C-alpha atoms as a PDB file:
ATOM      1  CA  UNK A   1      99.255 106.334  73.940  1.00  0.00           C
ATOM      2  CA  UNK A   2     101.289 106.096  77.168  1.00  0.00           C
ATOM      3  CA  UNK A   3     102.806 109.553  76.875  1.00  0.00           C
ATOM      4  CA  UNK A   4     101.401 112.875  78.090  1.00  0.00           C
ATOM      5  CA  UNK A   5     100.853 115.473  75.335  1.00  0.00           C
ATOM      6  CA  UNK A   6     103.830 117.579  76.484  1.00  0.00           C
ATOM      7  CA  UNK A   7     106.170 114.564  76.083  1.00  0.00           C
ATOM      8  CA  UNK A   8     104.785 113.805  72.628  1.00  0.00           C
ATOM      9  CA  UNK A   9     105.246 117.469  71.631  1.00  0.00           C
ATOM     10  CA  UNK A  10     108.923 117.199  72.628  1.00  0.00           C
ATOM     11  CA  UNK A  11     109.339 113.953  70.613  1.00  0.00           C
ATOM     12  CA  UNK A  12     110.257 112.069  73.803  1.00  0.00           C
ATOM     13  CA  UNK A  13     108.956 108.659  72.597  1.00  0.00           C
ATOM     14  CA  UNK A  14     111.142 108.878  69.470  1.00  0.00           C
ATOM     15  CA  UNK A  15     114.108 109.973  71.602  1.00  0.00           C
ATOM     16  CA  UNK A  16     113.695 106.902  73.838  1.00  0.00           C
ATOM     17  CA  UNK A  17     113.655 104.563  70.830  1.00  0.00           C
ATOM     18  CA  UNK A  18     116.674 106.300  69.288  1.00  0.00           C
ATOM     19  CA  UNK A  19     118.707 105.866  72.474  1.00  0.00           C
ATOM     20  CA  UNK A  20     117.563 102.259  72.931  1.00  0.00           C
ATOM     21  CA  UNK A  21     118.620 101.538  69.338  1.00  0.00           C
ATOM     22  CA  UNK A  22     122.023 103.176  69.803  1.00  0.00           C
ATOM     23  CA  UNK A  23     122.811 101.899  73.302  1.00  0.00           C
ATOM     24  CA  UNK A  24     120.842  98.650  73.237  1.00  0.00           C
ATOM     25  CA  UNK A  25     118.742  99.709  76.219  1.00  0.00           C
ATOM     26  CA  UNK A  26     116.998 102.775  77.624  1.00  0.00           C
ATOM     27  CA  UNK A  27     115.584 103.331  81.134  1.00  0.00           C
ATOM     28  CA  UNK A  28     113.484 106.212  82.429  1.00  0.00           C
ATOM     29  CA  UNK A  29     111.016 107.214  85.119  1.00  0.00           C
ATOM     30  CA  UNK A  30     108.266 109.714  84.514  1.00  0.00           C
ATOM     31  CA  UNK A  31     104.593 110.398  84.065  1.00  0.00           C
ATOM     32  CA  UNK A  32     102.652 108.183  81.684  1.00  0.00           C
ATOM     33  CA  UNK A  33      98.967 108.053  80.718  1.00  0.00           C
ATOM     34  CA  UNK A  34      96.488 105.206  81.268  1.00  0.00           C
ATOM     35  CA  UNK A  35      93.759 104.301  78.770  1.00  0.00           C
ATOM     36  CA  UNK A  36      91.251 106.251  80.888  1.00  0.00           C
ATOM     37  CA  UNK A  37      93.432 109.377  80.602  1.00  0.00           C
ATOM     38  CA  UNK A  38      94.675 109.386  84.213  1.00  0.00           C
ATOM     39  CA  UNK A  39      98.389 109.781  84.829  1.00  0.00           C
ATOM     40  CA  UNK A  40     100.685 107.434  86.691  1.00  0.00           C
ATOM     41  CA  UNK A  41     104.361 107.451  87.662  1.00  0.00           C
ATOM     42  CA  UNK A  42     106.166 104.740  85.706  1.00  0.00           C
ATOM     43  CA  UNK A  43     109.518 103.078  85.291  1.00  0.00           C
ATOM     44  CA  UNK A  44     110.173 102.276  81.653  1.00  0.00           C
ATOM     45  CA  UNK A  45     112.770  99.944  80.182  1.00  0.00           C
ATOM     46  CA  UNK A  46     113.159  99.661  76.421  1.00  0.00           C
ATOM     47  CA  UNK A  47     115.475  97.014  74.982  1.00  0.00           C
ATOM     48  CA  UNK A  48     116.472  96.811  71.323  1.00  0.00           C
ATOM     49  CA  UNK A  49     115.817  93.413  69.761  1.00  0.00           C
ATOM     50  CA  UNK A  50     118.540  92.667  67.240  1.00  0.00           C
ATOM     51  CA  UNK A  51     118.930  90.066  64.500  1.00  0.00           C
ATOM     52  CA  UNK A  52     122.051  87.964  63.892  1.00  0.00           C
ATOM     53  CA  UNK A  53     123.780  90.823  62.096  1.00  0.00           C
ATOM     54  CA  UNK A  54     123.154  93.202  64.998  1.00  0.00           C
ATOM     55  CA  UNK A  55     120.471  95.300  63.309  1.00  0.00           C
ATOM     56  CA  UNK A  56     117.631  96.408  65.568  1.00  0.00           C
ATOM     57  CA  UNK A  57     114.437  94.777  64.299  1.00  0.00           C
ATOM     58  CA  UNK A  58     112.168  95.875  67.104  1.00  0.00           C
ATOM     59  CA  UNK A  59     111.958  96.833  70.735  1.00  0.00           C
ATOM     60  CA  UNK A  60     110.773  95.274  73.971  1.00  0.00           C
ATOM     61  CA  UNK A  61     109.196  97.785  76.328  1.00  0.00           C
ATOM     62  CA  UNK A  62     108.342  97.149  79.969  1.00  0.00           C
ATOM     63  CA  UNK A  63     106.358  99.789  81.847  1.00  0.00           C
ATOM     64  CA  UNK A  64     105.937  99.400  85.608  1.00  0.00           C
ATOM     65  CA  UNK A  65     103.437 101.493  87.573  1.00  0.00           C
ATOM     66  CA  UNK A  66     105.324 103.100  90.473  1.00  0.00           C
ATOM     67  CA  UNK A  67     102.500 105.387  91.622  1.00  0.00           C
ATOM     68  CA  UNK A  68     102.371 103.862  95.127  1.00  0.00           C
ATOM     69  CA  UNK A  69     106.105 104.383  95.576  1.00  0.00           C
ATOM     70  CA  UNK A  70     105.903 107.966  94.316  1.00  0.00           C
ATOM     71  CA  UNK A  71     103.033 108.700  96.736  1.00  0.00           C
ATOM     72  CA  UNK A  72     104.963 107.150  99.647  1.00  0.00           C
ATOM     73  CA  UNK A  73     108.035 109.265  98.815  1.00  0.00           C
ATOM     74  CA  UNK A  74     105.897 112.422  98.679  1.00  0.00           C
ATOM     75  CA  UNK A  75     104.269 111.590 102.000  1.00  0.00           C
ATOM     76  CA  UNK A  76     107.663 110.892 103.597  1.00  0.00           C
ATOM     77  CA  UNK A  77     108.990 114.243 102.367  1.00  0.00           C
ATOM     78  CA  UNK A  78     105.916 116.073 103.675  1.00  0.00           C
ATOM     79  CA  UNK A  79     106.147 114.386 107.086  1.00  0.00           C
ATOM     80  CA  UNK A  80     109.886 115.104 107.334  1.00  0.00           C
ATOM     81  CA  UNK A  81     109.240 118.801 106.636  1.00  0.00           C
ATOM     82  CA  UNK A  82     106.484 118.901 109.244  1.00  0.00           C
ATOM     83  CA  UNK A  83     108.759 117.227 111.801  1.00  0.00           C
ATOM     84  CA  UNK A  84     111.578 119.685 111.065  1.00  0.00           C
ATOM     85  CA  UNK A  85     109.169 122.618 111.441  1.00  0.00           C
ATOM     86  CA  UNK A  86     107.933 121.265 114.800  1.00  0.00           C
ATOM     87  CA  UNK A  87     111.494 120.800 116.056  1.00  0.00           C
ATOM     88  CA  UNK A  88     112.441 124.318 114.941  1.00  0.00           C
ATOM     89  CA  UNK A  89     109.377 125.735 116.700  1.00  0.00           C
ATOM     90  CA  UNK A  90     110.244 123.853 119.902  1.00  0.00           C
ATOM     91  CA  UNK A  91     113.829 125.148 119.825  1.00  0.00           C
ATOM     92  CA  UNK A  92     112.586 128.667 119.202  1.00  0.00           C
ATOM     93  CA  UNK A  93     110.111 128.366 122.094  1.00  0.00           C
ATOM     94  CA  UNK A  94     112.814 127.068 124.461  1.00  0.00           C
ATOM     95  CA  UNK A  95     115.202 129.834 123.403  1.00  0.00           C
ATOM     96  CA  UNK A  96     112.485 132.427 123.978  1.00  0.00           C
ATOM     97  CA  UNK A  97     111.727 131.093 127.471  1.00  0.00           C
ATOM     98  CA  UNK A  98     115.421 131.025 128.428  1.00  0.00           C
ATOM     99  CA  UNK A  99     116.165 134.535 127.157  1.00  0.00           C
ATOM    100  CA  UNK A 100     112.830 136.001 128.330  1.00  0.00           C
END
């Protein structure tokens, strides 16, 4: 339910559970799907729940919505590129005036 169709097609949910079972824990960030079908950027932690003999009997999964952080990172990157382009244009303009 949380996974986009392309992740399901690649058996990603099963892969996460396999690794959590083998390692005891699995962490990932990626796109997930809300009940309404919209996507959100999420941090996922899956922990294997083991019995006294060490056999995994289930899993605990925590999914945190990191959409706001992802948007802030994208905006920061965009603004940094714009700033670099402005600075390059200013240097080019100054160089043109000096050599012209």
